[in-house]
PDB file of all heavy atoms in Angstrom:
ATOM      1  N   SER A   1      79.589  79.604 136.690  1.00  0.00           N
ATOM      2  CA  SER A   1      80.477  79.613 135.520  1.00  0.00           C
ATOM      3  C   SER A   1      80.270  78.314 134.741  1.00  0.00           C
ATOM      4  O   SER A   1      80.158  77.238 135.334  1.00  0.00           O
ATOM      5  CB  SER A   1      81.933  79.738 135.971  1.00  0.00           C
ATOM      6  OG  SER A   1      82.127  80.937 136.681  1.00  0.00           O
ATOM      7  N   THR A   2      80.231  78.410 133.410  1.00  0.00           N
ATOM      8  CA  THR A   2      79.733  77.304 132.594  1.00  0.00           C
ATOM      9  C   THR A   2      80.522  77.167 131.293  1.00  0.00           C
ATOM     10  O   THR A   2      81.021  78.156 130.756  1.00  0.00           O
ATOM     11  CB  THR A   2      78.244  77.550 132.242  1.00  0.00           C
ATOM     12  OG1 THR A   2      77.493  77.711 133.453  1.00  0.00           O
ATOM     13  CG2 THR A   2      77.644  76.417 131.432  1.00  0.00           C
ATOM     14  N   VAL A   3      80.605  75.935 130.793  1.00  0.00           N
ATOM     15  CA  VAL A   3      81.125  75.680 129.447  1.00  0.00           C
ATOM     16  C   VAL A   3      80.074  74.877 128.682  1.00  0.00           C
ATOM     17  O   VAL A   3      79.560  73.876 129.176  1.00  0.00           O
ATOM     18  CB  VAL A   3      82.455  74.900 129.470  1.00  0.00           C
ATOM     19  CG1 VAL A   3      82.996  74.744 128.040  1.00  0.00           C
ATOM     20  CG2 VAL A   3      83.483  75.594 130.347  1.00  0.00           C
ATOM     21  N   VAL A   4      79.761  75.344 127.464  1.00  0.00           N
ATOM     22  CA  VAL A   4      78.783  74.686 126.594  1.00  0.00           C
ATOM     23  C   VAL A   4      79.495  74.275 125.306  1.00  0.00           C
ATOM     24  O   VAL A   4      80.281  75.044 124.751  1.00  0.00           O
ATOM     25  CB  VAL A   4      77.610  75.633 126.270  1.00  0.00           C
ATOM     26  CG1 VAL A   4      76.606  74.960 125.337  1.00  0.00           C
ATOM     27  CG2 VAL A   4      76.916  76.075 127.556  1.00  0.00           C
ATOM     28  N   ASN A   5      79.207  73.054 124.834  1.00  0.00           N
ATOM     29  CA  ASN A   5      79.849  72.591 123.597  1.00  0.00           C
ATOM     30  C   ASN A   5      79.016  72.965 122.369  1.00  0.00           C
ATOM     31  O   ASN A   5      77.908  73.485 122.498  1.00  0.00           O
ATOM     32  CB  ASN A   5      80.153  71.091 123.673  1.00  0.00           C
ATOM     33  CG  ASN A   5      78.910  70.206 123.593  1.00  0.00           C
ATOM     34  OD1 ASN A   5      77.820  70.649 123.237  1.00  0.00           O
ATOM     35  ND2 ASN A   5      79.076  68.932 123.928  1.00  0.00           N
ATOM     36  N   PRO A   6      79.535  72.713 121.163  1.00  0.00           N
ATOM     37  CA  PRO A   6      78.831  73.156 119.951  1.00  0.00           C
ATOM     38  C   PRO A   6      77.499  72.446 119.707  1.00  0.00           C
ATOM     39  O   PRO A   6      76.734  72.873 118.835  1.00  0.00           O
ATOM     40  CB  PRO A   6      79.830  72.829 118.831  1.00  0.00           C
ATOM     41  CG  PRO A   6      81.162  72.783 119.487  1.00  0.00           C
ATOM     42  CD  PRO A   6      80.901  72.226 120.841  1.00  0.00           C
ATOM     43  N   TRP A   7      77.212  71.397 120.444  1.00  0.00           N
ATOM     44  CA  TRP A   7      75.936  70.698 120.354  1.00  0.00           C
ATOM     45  C   TRP A   7      74.909  71.315 121.297  1.00  0.00           C
ATOM     46  O   TRP A   7      73.750  70.920 121.336  1.00  0.00           O
ATOM     47  CB  TRP A   7      76.133  69.222 120.667  1.00  0.00           C
ATOM     48  CG  TRP A   7      74.994  68.330 120.298  1.00  0.00           C
ATOM     49  CD1 TRP A   7      74.089  67.747 121.145  1.00  0.00           C
ATOM     50  CD2 TRP A   7      74.611  67.896 118.986  1.00  0.00           C
ATOM     51  NE1 TRP A   7      73.182  66.983 120.451  1.00  0.00           N
ATOM     52  CE2 TRP A   7      73.474  67.059 119.109  1.00  0.00           C
ATOM     53  CE3 TRP A   7      75.130  68.146 117.702  1.00  0.00           C
ATOM     54  CZ2 TRP A   7      72.845  66.472 118.017  1.00  0.00           C
ATOM     55  CZ3 TRP A   7      74.501  67.550 116.617  1.00  0.00           C
ATOM     56  CH2 TRP A   7      73.378  66.724 116.779  1.00  0.00           C
ATOM     57  N   GLY A   8      75.354  72.292 122.089  1.00  0.00           N
ATOM     58  CA  GLY A   8      74.470  72.945 123.045  1.00  0.00           C
ATOM     59  C   GLY A   8      74.414  72.274 124.396  1.00  0.00           C
ATOM     60  O   GLY A   8      73.569  72.615 125.230  1.00  0.00           O
ATOM     61  N   GLU A   9      75.314  71.333 124.641  1.00  0.00           N
ATOM     62  CA  GLU A   9      75.338  70.603 125.907  1.00  0.00           C
ATOM     63  C   GLU A   9      76.205  71.335 126.930  1.00  0.00           C
ATOM     64  O   GLU A   9      77.307  71.799 126.595  1.00  0.00           O
ATOM     65  CB  GLU A   9      75.891  69.195 125.705  1.00  0.00           C
ATOM     66  CG  GLU A   9      75.075  68.329 124.785  1.00  0.00           C
ATOM     67  CD  GLU A   9      75.795  67.045 124.407  1.00  0.00           C
ATOM     68  OE1 GLU A   9      77.010  67.074 124.153  1.00  0.00           O
ATOM     69  OE2 GLU A   9      75.112  65.992 124.362  1.00  0.00           O
ATOM     70  N   VAL A  10      75.725  71.421 128.163  1.00  0.00           N
ATOM     71  CA  VAL A  10      76.543  71.942 129.252  1.00  0.00           C
ATOM     72  C   VAL A  10      77.515  70.851 129.669  1.00  0.00           C
ATOM     73  O   VAL A  10      77.101  69.785 130.141  1.00  0.00           O
ATOM     74  CB  VAL A  10      75.661  72.362 130.449  1.00  0.00           C
ATOM     75  CG1 VAL A  10      76.533  72.779 131.623  1.00  0.00           C
ATOM     76  CG2 VAL A  10      74.730  73.500 130.042  1.00  0.00           C
ATOM     77  N   ILE A  11      78.809  71.093 129.477  1.00  0.00           N
ATOM     78  CA  ILE A  11      79.801  70.062 129.779  1.00  0.00           C
ATOM     79  C   ILE A  11      80.576  70.343 131.063  1.00  0.00           C
ATOM     80  O   ILE A  11      81.303  69.481 131.553  1.00  0.00           O
ATOM     81  CB  ILE A  11      80.775  69.855 128.601  1.00  0.00           C
ATOM     82  CG1 ILE A  11      81.479  71.163 128.215  1.00  0.00           C
ATOM     83  CG2 ILE A  11      80.037  69.280 127.401  1.00  0.00           C
ATOM     84  CD1 ILE A  11      82.566  70.977 127.163  1.00  0.00           C
ATOM     85  N   ALA A  12      80.417  71.529 131.617  1.00  0.00           N
ATOM     86  CA  ALA A  12      81.028  71.857 132.909  1.00  0.00           C
ATOM     87  C   ALA A  12      80.263  73.031 133.501  1.00  0.00           C
ATOM     88  O   ALA A  12      79.857  73.938 132.780  1.00  0.00           O
ATOM     89  CB  ALA A  12      82.500  72.218 132.753  1.00  0.00           C
ATOM     90  N   LYS A  13      80.061  72.986 134.826  1.00  0.00           N
ATOM     91  CA  LYS A  13      79.276  74.048 135.456  1.00  0.00           C
ATOM     92  C   LYS A  13      79.587  74.127 136.935  1.00  0.00           C
ATOM     93  O   LYS A  13      79.637  73.109 137.631  1.00  0.00           O
ATOM     94  CB  LYS A  13      77.781  73.783 135.251  1.00  0.00           C
ATOM     95  CG  LYS A  13      76.865  74.909 135.718  1.00  0.00           C
ATOM     96  CD  LYS A  13      75.427  74.590 135.364  1.00  0.00           C
ATOM     97  CE  LYS A  13      74.489  75.723 135.732  1.00  0.00           C
ATOM     98  NZ  LYS A  13      73.089  75.418 135.339  1.00  0.00           N
ATOM     99  N   ALA A  14      79.784  75.332 137.432  1.00  0.00           N
ATOM    100  CA  ALA A  14      80.010  75.566 138.854  1.00  0.00           C
ATOM    101  C   ALA A  14      78.681  75.810 139.556  1.00  0.00           C
ATOM    102  O   ALA A  14      77.645  76.020 138.914  1.00  0.00           O
ATOM    103  CB  ALA A  14      80.927  76.772 139.046  1.00  0.00           C
ATOM    104  N   GLY A  15      78.732  75.821 140.873  1.00  0.00           N
ATOM    105  CA  GLY A  15      77.605  76.279 141.663  1.00  0.00           C
ATOM    106  C   GLY A  15      77.770  77.755 141.957  1.00  0.00           C
ATOM    107  O   GLY A  15      78.179  78.531 141.089  1.00  0.00           O
ATOM    108  N   ALA A  16      77.496  78.153 143.189  1.00  0.00           N
ATOM    109  CA  ALA A  16      77.589  79.563 143.551  1.00  0.00           C
ATOM    110  C   ALA A  16      78.889  79.897 144.272  1.00  0.00           C
ATOM    111  O   ALA A  16      79.279  81.059 144.359  1.00  0.00           O
ATOM    112  CB  ALA A  16      76.406  79.946 144.443  1.00  0.00           C
ATOM    113  N   GLU A  17      79.589  78.893 144.773  1.00  0.00           N
ATOM    114  CA  GLU A  17      80.751  79.112 145.635  1.00  0.00           C
ATOM    115  C   GLU A  17      82.032  79.322 144.826  1.00  0.00           C
ATOM    116  O   GLU A  17      82.064  79.090 143.617  1.00  0.00           O
ATOM    117  CB  GLU A  17      80.939  77.897 146.549  1.00  0.00           C
ATOM    118  CG  GLU A  17      81.437  76.633 145.854  1.00  0.00           C
ATOM    119  CD  GLU A  17      80.414  75.945 144.953  1.00  0.00           C
ATOM    120  OE1 GLU A  17      79.207  76.239 145.087  1.00  0.00           O
ATOM    121  OE2 GLU A  17      80.821  75.112 144.108  1.00  0.00           O
ATOM    122  N   GLU A  18      83.100  79.765 145.516  1.00  0.00           N
ATOM    123  CA  GLU A  18      84.394  79.895 144.848  1.00  0.00           C
ATOM    124  C   GLU A  18      84.899  78.520 144.440  1.00  0.00           C
ATOM    125  O   GLU A  18      84.899  77.581 145.240  1.00  0.00           O
ATOM    126  CB  GLU A  18      85.415  80.561 145.771  1.00  0.00           C
ATOM    127  CG  GLU A  18      86.797  80.701 145.120  1.00  0.00           C
ATOM    128  CD  GLU A  18      87.787  81.496 145.956  1.00  0.00           C
ATOM    129  OE1 GLU A  18      87.687  82.726 145.980  1.00  0.00           O
ATOM    130  OE2 GLU A  18      88.660  80.860 146.591  1.00  0.00           O
ATOM    131  N   THR A  19      85.321  78.407 143.183  1.00  0.00           N
ATOM    132  CA  THR A  19      85.816  77.127 142.674  1.00  0.00           C
ATOM    133  C   THR A  19      86.558  77.370 141.376  1.00  0.00           C
ATOM    134  O   THR A  19      86.526  78.474 140.822  1.00  0.00           O
ATOM    135  CB  THR A  19      84.654  76.136 142.450  1.00  0.00           C
ATOM    136  OG1 THR A  19      85.181  74.848 142.154  1.00  0.00           O
ATOM    137  CG2 THR A  19      83.754  76.595 141.309  1.00  0.00           C
ATOM    138  N   VAL A  20      87.229  76.342 140.886  1.00  0.00           N
ATOM    139  CA  VAL A  20      87.835  76.368 139.557  1.00  0.00           C
ATOM    140  C   VAL A  20      87.183  75.265 138.728  1.00  0.00           C
ATOM    141  O   VAL A  20      87.140  74.109 139.152  1.00  0.00           O
ATOM    142  CB  VAL A  20      89.361  76.158 139.613  1.00  0.00           C
ATOM    143  CG1 VAL A  20      89.950  76.230 138.199  1.00  0.00           C
ATOM    144  CG2 VAL A  20      90.016  77.205 140.505  1.00  0.00           C
ATOM    145  N   VAL A  21      86.640  75.637 137.579  1.00  0.00           N
ATOM    146  CA  VAL A  21      85.976  74.699 136.682  1.00  0.00           C
ATOM    147  C   VAL A  21      86.955  74.310 135.572  1.00  0.00           C
ATOM    148  O   VAL A  21      87.533  75.174 134.917  1.00  0.00           O
ATOM    149  CB  VAL A  21      84.720  75.334 136.054  1.00  0.00           C
ATOM    150  CG1 VAL A  21      84.061  74.381 135.062  1.00  0.00           C
ATOM    151  CG2 VAL A  21      83.737  75.736 137.134  1.00  0.00           C
ATOM    152  N   TYR A  22      87.121  73.006 135.378  1.00  0.00           N
ATOM    153  CA  TYR A  22      88.006  72.508 134.332  1.00  0.00           C
ATOM    154  C   TYR A  22      87.201  71.767 133.272  1.00  0.00           C
ATOM    155  O   TYR A  22      86.250  71.043 133.596  1.00  0.00           O
ATOM    156  CB  TYR A  22      89.040  71.530 134.903  1.00  0.00           C
ATOM    157  CG  TYR A  22      89.973  72.134 135.911  1.00  0.00           C
ATOM    158  CD1 TYR A  22      89.689  72.081 137.274  1.00  0.00           C
ATOM    159  CD2 TYR A  22      91.163  72.748 135.519  1.00  0.00           C
ATOM    160  CE1 TYR A  22      90.550  72.628 138.212  1.00  0.00           C
ATOM    161  CE2 TYR A  22      92.029  73.300 136.445  1.00  0.00           C
ATOM    162  CZ  TYR A  22      91.714  73.239 137.799  1.00  0.00           C
ATOM    163  OH  TYR A  22      92.571  73.780 138.722  1.00  0.00           O
ATOM    164  N   THR A  23      87.602  71.929 132.026  1.00  0.00           N
ATOM    165  CA  THR A  23      87.017  71.122 130.961  1.00  0.00           C
ATOM    166  C   THR A  23      88.003  71.043 129.811  1.00  0.00           C
ATOM    167  O   THR A  23      88.845  71.925 129.636  1.00  0.00           O
ATOM    168  CB  THR A  23      85.681  71.707 130.470  1.00  0.00           C
ATOM    169  OG1 THR A  23      85.024  70.756 129.638  1.00  0.00           O
ATOM    170  CG2 THR A  23      85.885  72.988 129.681  1.00  0.00           C
ATOM    171  N   ASP A  24      87.893  69.971 129.032  1.00  0.00           N
ATOM    172  CA  ASP A  24      88.742  69.803 127.857  1.00  0.00           C
ATOM    173  C   ASP A  24      87.967  70.219 126.618  1.00  0.00           C
ATOM    174  O   ASP A  24      86.862  69.727 126.361  1.00  0.00           O
ATOM    175  CB  ASP A  24      89.217  68.344 127.738  1.00  0.00           C
ATOM    176  CG  ASP A  24      90.175  67.968 128.857  1.00  0.00           C
ATOM    177  OD1 ASP A  24      91.013  68.818 129.212  1.00  0.00           O
ATOM    178  OD2 ASP A  24      90.086  66.839 129.368  1.00  0.00           O
ATOM    179  N   ILE A  25      88.530  71.144 125.859  1.00  0.00           N
ATOM    180  CA  ILE A  25      87.922  71.623 124.625  1.00  0.00           C
ATOM    181  C   ILE A  25      88.347  70.688 123.493  1.00  0.00           C
ATOM    182  O   ILE A  25      89.534  70.582 123.177  1.00  0.00           O
ATOM    183  CB  ILE A  25      88.359  73.076 124.333  1.00  0.00           C
ATOM    184  CG1 ILE A  25      87.972  73.998 125.496  1.00  0.00           C
ATOM    185  CG2 ILE A  25      87.762  73.554 123.015  1.00  0.00           C
ATOM    186  CD1 ILE A  25      86.495  74.090 125.766  1.00  0.00           C
TER     187      ILE A  25
END
């Protein structure tokens, strides 16, 4: 699971395991 910003940068990313990904928009 991933979050990408408008510049195309990955700013948060999970691996394969169960987790919660947090990021500030």
